[in-house]
Protein backbone atom coordinates (compact mmCIF):
# COMPACT_ATOMS: atom_id res chain seq x y z
CA UNK A 1 -137.80 -103.35 55.70
CA UNK A 2 -136.09 -100.19 54.53
CA UNK A 3 -136.92 -96.86 56.15
CA UNK A 4 -135.78 -93.51 55.20
CA UNK A 5 -135.92 -90.80 57.69
CA UNK A 6 -135.55 -87.01 57.04
CA UNK A 7 -134.36 -84.37 59.41
CA UNK A 8 -133.24 -80.77 59.48
CA UNK A 9 -136.11 -78.91 58.60
CA UNK A 10 -137.58 -75.99 60.25
CA UNK A 11 -138.27 -72.23 60.07
CA UNK A 12 -135.66 -70.03 58.73
CA UNK A 13 -135.69 -66.03 57.93
CA UNK A 14 -135.01 -65.44 54.14
CA UNK A 15 -131.39 -65.69 53.34
CA UNK A 16 -130.88 -68.43 55.90
CA UNK A 17 -129.59 -71.84 55.46
CA UNK A 18 -130.67 -75.18 56.60
CA UNK A 19 -128.83 -78.85 56.22
CA UNK A 20 -131.20 -81.61 55.52
CA UNK A 21 -130.46 -85.27 56.04
CA UNK A 22 -131.88 -88.51 54.81
CA UNK A 23 -130.80 -91.62 56.68
CA UNK A 24 -131.68 -95.06 55.44
CA UNK A 25 -131.81 -98.09 57.62
CA UNK A 26 -133.00 -101.66 57.64
CA UNK A 27 -131.72 -104.79 55.27
CA UNK A 28 -130.03 -102.78 52.35
CA UNK A 29 -127.43 -104.21 50.21
CA UNK A 30 -126.78 -101.12 48.18
CA UNK A 31 -128.22 -97.58 47.65
CA UNK A 32 -127.98 -96.15 43.87
CA UNK A 33 -129.36 -93.08 43.08
CA UNK A 34 -130.72 -90.53 45.79
CA UNK A 35 -132.85 -87.77 45.48
CA UNK A 36 -134.44 -84.89 47.04
CA UNK A 37 -138.23 -83.54 46.12
CA UNK A 38 -140.35 -80.86 47.31
CA UNK A 39 -144.10 -80.22 47.55
CA UNK A 40 -145.56 -76.68 48.18
CA UNK A 41 -149.07 -76.39 49.34
CA UNK A 42 -151.36 -76.70 46.34
CA UNK A 43 -148.59 -77.65 44.08
CA UNK A 44 -147.05 -80.91 42.37
CA UNK A 45 -144.11 -82.52 43.95
CA UNK A 46 -141.09 -81.55 41.98
CA UNK A 47 -137.47 -82.73 41.64
CA UNK A 48 -135.16 -80.61 43.55
CA UNK A 49 -131.86 -82.57 43.13
CA UNK A 50 -130.32 -85.86 42.47
CA UNK A 51 -127.12 -87.76 42.96
CA UNK A 52 -125.67 -90.95 41.79
CA UNK A 53 -123.75 -93.29 43.80
CA UNK A 54 -120.53 -92.23 42.25
CA UNK A 55 -121.40 -88.63 43.11
CA UNK A 56 -122.82 -87.21 39.80
CA UNK A 57 -125.11 -84.54 40.67
CA UNK A 58 -128.08 -82.65 38.93
CA UNK A 59 -130.34 -79.78 40.22
CA UNK A 60 -133.62 -77.99 39.22
CA UNK A 61 -132.92 -74.44 37.69
CA UNK A 62 -134.66 -72.90 40.58
CA UNK A 63 -132.11 -74.16 42.94
CA UNK A 64 -128.90 -74.13 41.15
CA UNK A 65 -126.08 -72.45 42.90
CA UNK A 66 -127.92 -72.19 46.10
CA UNK A 67 -128.46 -75.99 47.10
CA UNK A 68 -126.23 -78.72 47.27
CA UNK A 69 -126.67 -82.28 47.44
CA UNK A 70 -124.23 -84.95 48.75
CA UNK A 71 -123.99 -88.33 50.42
CA UNK A 72 -122.04 -90.74 52.60
CA UNK A 73 -122.23 -94.11 51.28
CA UNK A 74 -120.87 -95.46 54.49
CA UNK A 75 -123.79 -94.23 56.35
CA UNK A 76 -126.37 -94.79 53.99
CA UNK A 77 -127.37 -90.95 54.42
CA UNK A 78 -127.80 -88.35 51.81
CA UNK A 79 -127.72 -84.63 52.76
CA UNK A 80 -129.14 -81.53 50.97
CA UNK A 81 -127.51 -78.16 52.06
CA UNK A 82 -129.71 -75.31 51.34
CA UNK A 83 -128.29 -71.69 51.29
CA UNK A 84 -129.80 -68.52 50.28
CA UNK A 85 -133.28 -69.56 51.13
CA UNK A 86 -136.27 -67.88 49.61
CA UNK A 87 -139.84 -68.01 50.86
CA UNK A 88 -140.80 -69.65 47.48
CA UNK A 89 -138.49 -72.65 48.90
CA UNK A 90 -141.18 -73.39 51.59
CA UNK A 91 -142.21 -76.83 51.14
CA UNK A 92 -142.21 -80.37 52.69
CA UNK A 93 -138.94 -81.83 51.31
CA UNK A 94 -138.85 -85.61 50.76
CA UNK A 95 -135.84 -87.88 50.22
CA UNK A 96 -136.17 -90.90 47.60
CA UNK A 97 -133.58 -93.57 47.18
CA UNK A 98 -133.15 -96.57 44.88
CA UNK A 99 -132.54 -99.33 47.38
CA UNK A 100 -131.32 -102.96 46.68
CA UNK A 101 -132.65 -105.40 49.25
CA UNK A 102 -134.14 -108.64 47.74
CA UNK A 103 -134.60 -106.52 44.43
CA UNK A 104 -134.17 -102.87 43.51
CA UNK A 105 -137.20 -100.50 44.43
CA UNK A 106 -137.76 -96.81 45.34
CA UNK A 107 -138.02 -96.14 48.85
CA UNK A 108 -139.49 -92.54 50.23
CA UNK A 109 -139.20 -90.77 53.46
CA UNK A 110 -141.90 -89.15 55.30
CA UNK A 111 -140.69 -85.67 54.67
CA UNK A 112 -139.36 -82.77 56.44
CA UNK A 113 -141.10 -79.25 56.76
CA UNK A 114 -138.96 -76.02 55.61
CA UNK A 115 -140.44 -72.96 56.15
CA UNK A 116 -138.85 -69.61 54.86
CA UNK A 117 -140.37 -66.40 56.61
CA UNK A 118 -139.24 -63.28 58.18
């Protein structure tokens, strides 16, 4: 069984920063792409950023230049550095990973709350 656990969320003032982490554990042979999504109250879940195993990244236009996705393959951990945070970044942030156990499959974390407010 594979588990993804996010951490690092919290309350931050506009312009502040947070570093989110996503740690994968369990019977994992490999992790392919990793993603960060977010869901604000009353809105659909949206893709924020993604990173391949080799390190190729992509970002939503709304976070380009402010957020940076990265990963440590040896630790099966992904990160999202969020800078210059805005109130509209307030959401629950979820991690998703393409994980190989007995077969490839998508695994989601439980989410971590990010609140940007003065």
